[in-house]
């Protein structure tokens, strides 16, 4: 009897979702706009596996839980397109996660030559897979956010199935009525990746407020380049200044800008695998650069389909506040390939585009186009280097620059940039 139970367990599909486990709600964020209250939470792959019974990340799907409470006199509806233009319907997401009967038939057909006595148990596998898929369809449909109007005084909760974003998930939620639109923007952390977590929150005690004149003076006088740990050799130029807190930065750098994972053996293996197969690794680590012996506090990147090509941005928080917001100094450059070098332990390094001003201006134009910059200007501070007389970074790559730093004052709300003559 015990052997039979073990065989049945081996030849049946186990599907045991537990939608009572809602640990993701502990990271939820809530906002209210004129009587419309919206709460959003993002599930990690581990959480969605418990909640829905299957791993969705391997299918590139990420569930977002949304709760809306309409305390207005109007009738609203959720604009699903605003959450993700490529969202999945509940049944579409369920179908993508179905237990594949066809592959199982082929697999068991090949093994049948060795296990012919067990072949009669194959129908149990097929029937249990069909049953599991039907239950999956019902659960996904039940938990999905229901289409249709949300009348005055009503509440509605449910899941929208979006494309996968690990690390930080920037979510825009839009509710529409006849007369107007209510916009809500969230930036939520999703557990699972190995990011640095030792950056303490900025406080008024750790930073001193500066006015515009003092900020300009500081930008002009700050050291022109990054360095190695000991500060004996210059690295890439510090060509960007960003004003905004950490959450605002994550929120503004939406649209496939991702944080870089910390360097450890797991992320090194991911990097090697992506390098060998020339595939994308959106969260690949960046090498450490230093300012006065301090490694970057935050690293962001915009990856292409190959790990060899990306734009990466390193940021160091400074003991300054401008208009009550933290000030960061940054370095941005564009990786355009891989080359060999004896200056790194693994004998390879990314080759950067020598026109580092282009990467600086790309970031500036990106944020302005996203309407996330309230003020922008350029100030000399890097020291110019001509194309025919370039400077070199720590790994020997040449670069040239006009010597200016871009200053970007960020905004969480959609704004029109004010161009300032800060030179």
Protein backbone atom coordinates (compact mmCIF):
# COMPACT_ATOMS: atom_id res chain seq x y z
CA UNK A 1 0.00 0.00 0.00
CA UNK A 2 2.82 2.38 0.89
CA UNK A 3 4.55 1.55 -2.39
CA UNK A 4 1.33 2.27 -4.29
CA UNK A 5 1.00 5.69 -2.64
CA UNK A 6 4.59 6.49 -3.56
CA UNK A 7 3.96 5.45 -7.17
CA UNK A 8 0.79 7.53 -7.31
CA UNK A 9 2.73 10.50 -5.96
CA UNK A 10 5.39 9.94 -8.62
CA UNK A 11 2.90 9.57 -11.45
CA UNK A 12 0.49 12.37 -10.56
CA UNK A 13 0.84 16.13 -10.73
CA UNK A 14 0.98 17.87 -7.38
CA UNK A 15 -0.74 21.25 -7.42
CA UNK A 16 -1.19 22.78 -3.95
CA UNK A 17 -1.62 26.57 -4.05
CA UNK A 18 -2.15 28.43 -0.78
CA UNK A 19 -3.76 31.79 -1.48
CA UNK A 20 -4.05 32.42 2.27
CA UNK A 21 -0.31 33.25 2.40
CA UNK A 22 -0.12 36.98 1.73
CA UNK A 23 3.32 37.97 2.99
CA UNK A 24 3.69 40.35 0.02
CA UNK A 25 1.12 42.65 1.68
CA UNK A 26 3.74 43.51 4.30
CA UNK A 27 5.55 45.51 1.58
CA UNK A 28 2.43 47.16 0.18
CA UNK A 29 2.25 50.91 -0.40
CA UNK A 30 -0.87 53.04 -0.20
CA UNK A 31 -1.74 56.39 -1.77
CA UNK A 32 -4.90 58.49 -1.82
CA UNK A 33 -6.02 61.10 -4.32
CA UNK A 34 -9.23 63.06 -3.68
CA UNK A 35 -11.09 60.18 -2.10
CA UNK A 36 -9.68 57.40 -4.29
CA UNK A 37 -7.45 55.12 -2.23
CA UNK A 38 -5.08 52.67 -3.95
CA UNK A 39 -2.84 50.03 -2.37
CA UNK A 40 -0.27 48.10 -4.42
CA UNK A 41 2.00 45.14 -3.61
CA UNK A 42 4.28 43.07 -5.84
CA UNK A 43 4.81 39.33 -5.36
CA UNK A 44 8.26 37.81 -5.51
CA UNK A 45 8.60 34.53 -7.39
CA UNK A 46 8.75 32.65 -4.07
CA UNK A 47 5.52 34.29 -2.92
CA UNK A 48 3.68 33.76 -6.19
CA UNK A 49 4.72 30.09 -6.15
CA UNK A 50 3.01 29.64 -2.78
CA UNK A 51 0.01 31.83 -3.63
CA UNK A 52 -0.73 30.43 -7.10
CA UNK A 53 1.02 27.06 -6.78
CA UNK A 54 3.41 27.58 -9.73
CA UNK A 55 6.55 29.56 -10.44
CA UNK A 56 5.65 32.42 -12.77
CA UNK A 57 9.06 34.09 -13.05
CA UNK A 58 10.34 31.31 -15.30
CA UNK A 59 7.54 32.32 -17.68
CA UNK A 60 8.40 36.01 -17.37
CA UNK A 61 5.21 36.82 -15.44
CA UNK A 62 4.91 38.84 -12.23
CA UNK A 63 1.67 39.29 -10.25
CA UNK A 64 0.83 42.74 -8.88
CA UNK A 65 -1.87 42.93 -6.22
CA UNK A 66 -4.03 46.08 -6.39
CA UNK A 67 -6.70 47.22 -3.96
CA UNK A 68 -8.93 50.21 -4.75
CA UNK A 69 -11.40 51.92 -2.44
CA UNK A 70 -13.65 54.45 -4.14
CA UNK A 71 -14.82 57.02 -1.57
CA UNK A 72 -15.75 59.57 -4.25
CA UNK A 73 -19.08 60.28 -5.95
CA UNK A 74 -17.71 59.15 -9.33
CA UNK A 75 -17.46 55.77 -11.02
CA UNK A 76 -13.92 54.71 -11.93
CA UNK A 77 -12.32 51.87 -13.85
CA UNK A 78 -8.75 50.63 -13.80
CA UNK A 79 -6.72 51.27 -16.96
CA UNK A 80 -4.86 47.95 -17.20
CA UNK A 81 -2.67 49.32 -19.99
CA UNK A 82 -1.22 51.90 -17.58
CA UNK A 83 -0.05 49.13 -15.25
CA UNK A 84 1.72 47.24 -18.04
CA UNK A 85 1.11 47.61 -21.79
CA UNK A 86 1.98 43.91 -22.18
CA UNK A 87 -0.12 42.61 -19.27
CA UNK A 88 -1.50 39.07 -19.29
CA UNK A 89 -5.14 38.21 -18.78
CA UNK A 90 -5.74 35.73 -15.91
CA UNK A 91 -6.43 32.79 -18.23
CA UNK A 92 -3.50 33.72 -20.47
CA UNK A 93 -1.18 33.72 -17.44
CA UNK A 94 -2.62 30.45 -16.23
CA UNK A 95 -2.20 28.82 -19.64
CA UNK A 96 1.46 29.90 -19.74
CA UNK A 97 1.98 28.14 -16.39
CA UNK A 98 0.03 24.98 -17.22
CA UNK A 99 1.56 21.58 -16.64
CA UNK A 100 2.48 20.48 -20.15
CA UNK A 101 0.86 17.15 -20.89
CA UNK A 102 2.51 16.86 -24.30
CA UNK A 103 6.04 17.05 -22.92
CA UNK A 104 5.16 14.55 -20.21
CA UNK A 105 3.79 12.09 -22.77
CA UNK A 106 7.01 12.31 -24.79
CA UNK A 107 9.13 11.99 -21.66
CA UNK A 108 7.29 9.01 -20.35
CA UNK A 109 7.15 7.47 -23.80
CA UNK A 110 10.95 7.43 -23.96
CA UNK A 111 11.23 6.01 -20.47
CA UNK A 112 8.58 3.40 -21.16
CA UNK A 113 11.19 1.12 -22.74
CA UNK A 114 12.86 0.86 -19.35
CA UNK A 115 9.72 0.97 -17.25
CA UNK A 116 7.12 -0.90 -19.28
CA UNK A 117 5.50 -2.35 -16.16
CA UNK A 118 4.76 1.21 -14.97
CA UNK A 119 3.32 2.41 -18.26
CA UNK A 120 -0.29 1.72 -17.18
CA UNK A 121 0.12 4.47 -14.54
CA UNK A 122 0.68 7.11 -17.23
CA UNK A 123 -3.06 7.95 -17.52
CA UNK A 124 -3.01 8.99 -13.84
CA UNK A 125 -0.37 11.57 -14.70
CA UNK A 126 -2.35 12.87 -17.64
CA UNK A 127 -5.65 13.08 -15.76
CA UNK A 128 -4.11 14.76 -12.72
CA UNK A 129 -2.38 17.30 -14.99
CA UNK A 130 -5.71 18.15 -16.64
CA UNK A 131 -7.34 18.49 -13.24
CA UNK A 132 -4.52 20.71 -11.95
CA UNK A 133 -4.74 22.94 -15.02
CA UNK A 134 -8.50 23.38 -14.56
CA UNK A 135 -7.99 24.32 -10.91
CA UNK A 136 -5.23 26.71 -11.96
CA UNK A 137 -7.54 28.41 -14.45
CA UNK A 138 -10.21 28.84 -11.78
CA UNK A 139 -7.75 30.26 -9.22
CA UNK A 140 -6.12 32.71 -11.62
CA UNK A 141 -9.52 33.95 -12.76
CA UNK A 142 -10.81 34.24 -9.20
CA UNK A 143 -7.78 36.22 -7.98
CA UNK A 144 -7.43 38.44 -11.06
CA UNK A 145 -8.50 42.08 -10.81
CA UNK A 146 -11.98 42.18 -12.31
CA UNK A 147 -12.65 44.43 -15.29
CA UNK A 148 -15.46 46.93 -15.17
CA UNK A 149 -16.67 50.00 -13.26
CA UNK A 150 -15.92 50.60 -9.58
CA UNK A 151 -18.93 52.51 -8.31
CA UNK A 152 -19.01 55.08 -5.53
CA UNK A 153 -18.55 53.40 -2.16
CA UNK A 154 -17.21 50.16 -3.66
CA UNK A 155 -13.90 48.38 -3.04
CA UNK A 156 -12.10 46.00 -5.36
CA UNK A 157 -9.00 43.87 -4.98
CA UNK A 158 -7.20 41.58 -7.35
CA UNK A 159 -4.06 40.68 -9.25
CA UNK A 160 -2.82 42.12 -12.53
CA UNK A 161 -0.35 39.79 -14.29
CA UNK A 162 2.56 41.85 -15.63
CA UNK A 163 5.94 41.29 -17.26
CA UNK A 164 8.74 40.33 -14.88
CA UNK A 165 10.86 43.02 -13.20
CA UNK A 166 13.12 41.95 -10.35
CA UNK A 167 14.73 44.13 -7.71
CA UNK A 168 12.64 47.28 -8.07
CA UNK A 169 9.21 47.36 -9.67
CA UNK A 170 7.97 50.75 -10.85
CA UNK A 171 4.20 50.65 -11.10
CA UNK A 172 1.94 53.29 -12.60
CA UNK A 173 -1.74 52.83 -11.82
CA UNK A 174 -4.36 54.93 -13.58
CA UNK A 175 -8.05 55.09 -12.75
CA UNK A 176 -10.34 56.72 -15.28
CA UNK A 177 -13.74 58.39 -15.07
CA UNK A 178 -15.62 60.50 -17.61
CA UNK A 179 -14.27 63.82 -16.41
CA UNK A 180 -10.73 63.10 -15.26
CA UNK A 181 -7.92 60.62 -14.62
CA UNK A 182 -6.32 59.73 -11.30
CA UNK A 183 -2.63 58.77 -11.53
CA UNK A 184 -0.73 56.83 -8.86
CA UNK A 185 2.97 55.96 -9.10
CA UNK A 186 4.70 53.39 -6.91
CA UNK A 187 8.26 52.13 -6.61
CA UNK A 188 8.34 48.80 -4.77
CA UNK A 189 11.18 46.51 -3.75
CA UNK A 190 10.86 42.86 -4.74
CA UNK A 191 12.89 40.33 -2.69
CA UNK A 192 15.09 37.84 -4.49
CA UNK A 193 18.12 39.64 -5.87
CA UNK A 194 21.39 40.38 -4.05
CA UNK A 195 21.44 44.15 -3.74
CA UNK A 196 23.43 46.22 -1.29
CA UNK A 197 21.37 46.96 1.80
CA UNK A 198 23.83 48.84 4.01
CA UNK A 199 22.98 52.38 2.89
CA UNK A 200 21.47 54.19 5.84
CA UNK A 201 18.50 56.51 5.19
CA UNK A 202 19.49 60.13 4.70
CA UNK A 203 18.72 62.33 7.70
CA UNK A 204 18.83 66.09 8.26
CA UNK A 205 21.54 65.54 10.89
CA UNK A 206 23.85 63.74 8.44
CA UNK A 207 23.43 66.34 5.68
CA UNK A 208 23.54 70.13 5.58
CA UNK A 209 21.30 72.29 3.43
CA UNK A 210 22.84 74.38 0.63
CA UNK A 211 21.34 77.03 -1.60
CA UNK A 212 21.80 77.26 -5.35
CA UNK A 213 25.01 79.31 -5.14
CA UNK A 214 26.60 76.89 -2.66
CA UNK A 215 25.54 73.90 -4.75
CA UNK A 216 27.15 75.38 -7.86
CA UNK A 217 30.33 76.09 -5.92
CA UNK A 218 30.43 72.54 -4.55
CA UNK A 219 29.86 70.98 -8.00
CA UNK A 220 32.66 73.04 -9.54
CA UNK A 221 35.13 72.15 -6.80
CA UNK A 222 34.39 68.45 -6.30
CA UNK A 223 37.06 65.96 -7.43
CA UNK A 224 36.85 65.31 -11.15
CA UNK A 225 37.12 61.50 -11.24
CA UNK A 226 36.53 58.27 -9.40
CA UNK A 227 39.56 56.32 -8.24
CA UNK A 228 40.76 52.93 -7.05
CA UNK A 229 40.33 51.98 -3.40
CA UNK A 230 43.60 53.57 -2.31
CA UNK A 231 42.96 56.74 -4.30
CA UNK A 232 46.27 56.46 -6.15
CA UNK A 233 44.87 56.25 -9.70
CA UNK A 234 42.08 58.13 -11.43
CA UNK A 235 39.14 56.30 -12.95
CA UNK A 236 36.07 57.42 -14.89
CA UNK A 237 34.90 61.04 -14.72
CA UNK A 238 32.19 62.12 -12.25
CA UNK A 239 29.94 63.70 -14.84
CA UNK A 240 26.49 63.77 -13.22
CA UNK A 241 24.84 65.32 -10.15
CA UNK A 242 21.39 64.09 -9.09
CA UNK A 243 19.11 65.68 -6.48
CA UNK A 244 16.46 63.39 -4.99
CA UNK A 245 16.01 60.69 -2.38
CA UNK A 246 16.64 57.01 -3.04
CA UNK A 247 12.99 56.15 -3.65
CA UNK A 248 12.63 59.04 -6.10
CA UNK A 249 15.71 57.90 -8.01
CA UNK A 250 14.37 54.35 -8.32
CA UNK A 251 11.00 55.71 -9.36
CA UNK A 252 12.38 58.10 -11.99
CA UNK A 253 14.71 55.53 -13.54
CA UNK A 254 11.87 53.32 -14.72
CA UNK A 255 11.69 51.87 -18.19
CA UNK A 256 14.22 49.02 -18.00
CA UNK A 257 16.75 50.78 -15.77
CA UNK A 258 17.68 48.14 -13.20
CA UNK A 259 19.79 48.05 -10.08
CA UNK A 260 23.00 46.04 -10.30
CA UNK A 261 23.34 43.05 -8.02
CA UNK A 262 26.14 42.85 -5.49
CA UNK A 263 29.23 40.83 -6.39
CA UNK A 264 29.15 37.29 -4.94
CA UNK A 265 29.73 33.79 -6.25
CA UNK A 266 26.14 33.38 -7.45
CA UNK A 267 26.11 36.64 -9.41
CA UNK A 268 29.56 35.83 -10.80
CA UNK A 269 28.19 32.53 -12.12
CA UNK A 270 25.25 34.36 -13.67
CA UNK A 271 27.66 36.81 -15.29
CA UNK A 272 29.90 34.05 -16.66
CA UNK A 273 26.90 32.21 -18.09
CA UNK A 274 25.58 35.37 -19.75
CA UNK A 275 29.05 36.14 -21.12
CA UNK A 276 29.58 32.64 -22.55
CA UNK A 277 26.19 32.54 -24.24
CA UNK A 278 26.12 36.28 -25.08
CA UNK A 279 22.72 36.72 -23.42
CA UNK A 280 21.06 39.41 -21.38
CA UNK A 281 21.59 39.74 -17.63
CA UNK A 282 19.60 42.79 -16.61
CA UNK A 283 20.97 42.92 -13.06
CA UNK A 284 24.62 42.03 -13.68
CA UNK A 285 27.07 43.49 -11.11
CA UNK A 286 29.26 46.46 -11.93
CA UNK A 287 32.85 46.81 -10.79
CA UNK A 288 33.46 48.97 -7.75
CA UNK A 289 34.79 52.49 -8.13
CA UNK A 290 35.61 54.79 -5.24
CA UNK A 291 35.46 58.37 -4.03
CA UNK A 292 37.72 59.00 -1.04
CA UNK A 293 37.79 55.26 -0.36
CA UNK A 294 34.00 54.88 -0.51
CA UNK A 295 32.39 52.48 -2.98
CA UNK A 296 29.31 53.57 -4.92
CA UNK A 297 26.09 53.60 -2.87
CA UNK A 298 23.85 52.70 -5.79
CA UNK A 299 24.41 51.27 -9.26
CA UNK A 300 21.84 51.35 -12.05
CA UNK A 301 22.06 50.04 -15.59
CA UNK A 302 20.11 49.91 -18.81
CA UNK A 303 21.02 46.65 -20.51
CA UNK A 304 20.77 45.59 -24.12
CA UNK A 305 20.14 41.99 -25.20
CA UNK A 306 23.82 41.16 -24.62
CA UNK A 307 25.62 41.46 -21.29
CA UNK A 308 28.51 43.05 -23.18
CA UNK A 309 26.50 46.19 -23.95
CA UNK A 310 24.84 48.47 -21.41
CA UNK A 311 24.77 51.95 -19.91
CA UNK A 312 25.68 51.93 -16.24
CA UNK A 313 25.36 54.65 -13.63
CA UNK A 314 27.08 54.74 -10.25
CA UNK A 315 25.91 57.14 -7.54
CA UNK A 316 27.50 58.30 -4.29
CA UNK A 317 25.33 60.12 -1.76
CA UNK A 318 26.89 63.29 -0.42
CA UNK A 319 26.45 65.06 2.95
CA UNK A 320 24.41 67.79 1.24
CA UNK A 321 20.75 68.62 0.77
CA UNK A 322 19.35 70.95 -1.85
CA UNK A 323 15.75 72.04 -1.33
CA UNK A 324 15.56 69.39 1.43
CA UNK A 325 16.53 66.57 -0.96
CA UNK A 326 19.77 64.51 -0.87
CA UNK A 327 22.51 65.31 -3.37
CA UNK A 328 24.33 62.52 -5.25
CA UNK A 329 27.43 62.67 -7.44
CA UNK A 330 27.51 60.14 -10.25
CA UNK A 331 29.49 58.52 -13.02
CA UNK A 332 27.79 57.31 -16.17
CA UNK A 333 29.35 55.61 -19.20
CA UNK A 334 28.34 53.21 -21.95
CA UNK A 335 29.77 49.69 -22.30
CA UNK A 336 30.14 48.79 -25.96
CA UNK A 337 32.00 45.47 -25.81
CA UNK A 338 34.50 43.21 -24.05
CA UNK A 339 38.26 43.29 -24.31
CA UNK A 340 41.21 41.53 -22.67
CA UNK A 341 43.33 43.28 -20.06
CA UNK A 342 45.94 42.39 -17.44
CA UNK A 343 44.51 45.01 -15.07
CA UNK A 344 41.67 42.81 -13.78
CA UNK A 345 41.69 39.43 -12.03
CA UNK A 346 39.58 37.78 -14.75
CA UNK A 347 41.67 39.25 -17.61
CA UNK A 348 38.60 40.84 -19.22
CA UNK A 349 36.84 44.16 -18.89
CA UNK A 350 34.07 46.10 -20.56
CA UNK A 351 35.23 48.56 -23.19
CA UNK A 352 33.54 51.93 -22.78
CA UNK A 353 32.45 54.37 -25.45
CA UNK A 354 35.16 57.06 -25.22
CA UNK A 355 32.56 59.80 -25.74
CA UNK A 356 31.42 59.83 -22.09
CA UNK A 357 29.45 63.05 -22.63
CA UNK A 358 27.06 61.07 -24.83
CA UNK A 359 26.19 58.75 -21.92
CA UNK A 360 25.74 61.74 -19.62
CA UNK A 361 23.42 63.41 -22.11
CA UNK A 362 21.54 60.16 -22.72
CA UNK A 363 20.61 59.96 -19.04
CA UNK A 364 19.65 63.64 -19.06
CA UNK A 365 17.47 63.30 -22.15
CA UNK A 366 15.89 60.09 -20.84
CA UNK A 367 14.75 61.73 -17.60
CA UNK A 368 13.58 64.91 -19.33
CA UNK A 369 11.63 62.87 -21.87
CA UNK A 370 10.01 60.96 -18.98
CA UNK A 371 9.14 64.36 -17.46
CA UNK A 372 11.01 63.52 -14.26
CA UNK A 373 13.34 66.55 -14.13
CA UNK A 374 12.16 69.86 -12.67
CA UNK A 375 15.46 71.66 -13.33
CA UNK A 376 18.51 70.85 -15.39
CA UNK A 377 21.80 72.58 -16.08
CA UNK A 378 25.48 72.03 -16.82
CA UNK A 379 28.46 73.13 -14.73
CA UNK A 380 32.17 72.70 -15.43
CA UNK A 381 33.88 70.39 -12.96
CA UNK A 382 35.39 67.40 -14.74
CA UNK A 383 38.17 69.23 -16.66
CA UNK A 384 37.98 68.98 -20.42
CA UNK A 385 39.89 66.31 -22.34
CA UNK A 386 40.14 66.55 -26.12
CA UNK A 387 39.48 63.62 -28.44
CA UNK A 388 43.07 63.73 -29.70
CA UNK A 389 44.44 63.96 -26.14
CA UNK A 390 42.16 61.71 -24.07
CA UNK A 391 42.46 60.71 -20.43
CA UNK A 392 42.30 57.06 -19.34
CA UNK A 393 40.26 55.19 -16.73
CA UNK A 394 41.49 52.47 -14.36
CA UNK A 395 41.37 49.71 -16.97
CA UNK A 396 43.12 51.79 -19.63
CA UNK A 397 40.13 52.83 -21.73
CA UNK A 398 40.50 56.31 -23.25
CA UNK A 399 37.76 58.92 -22.92
CA UNK A 400 37.20 62.52 -23.90
CA UNK A 401 34.82 65.10 -22.47
CA UNK A 402 33.81 68.74 -22.60
CA UNK A 403 34.41 68.88 -18.85
CA UNK A 404 30.82 69.60 -17.80
CA UNK A 405 28.63 67.93 -15.23
CA UNK A 406 24.88 67.66 -15.71
CA UNK A 407 22.79 68.67 -12.67
CA UNK A 408 19.35 67.07 -12.50
CA UNK A 409 16.76 67.96 -9.88
CA UNK A 410 14.34 65.02 -9.95
CA UNK A 411 10.59 64.99 -9.45
CA UNK A 412 8.27 62.06 -8.72
CA UNK A 413 5.46 63.91 -10.48
CA UNK A 414 5.28 64.65 -14.19
CA UNK A 415 6.86 68.08 -14.81
CA UNK A 416 8.27 70.22 -17.59
CA UNK A 417 12.00 70.75 -17.18
CA UNK A 418 13.30 74.23 -16.46
CA UNK A 419 16.62 74.70 -18.28
CA UNK A 420 19.05 76.71 -16.20
CA UNK A 421 22.25 78.46 -17.18
CA UNK A 422 24.41 77.14 -14.36
CA UNK A 423 27.73 77.30 -16.19
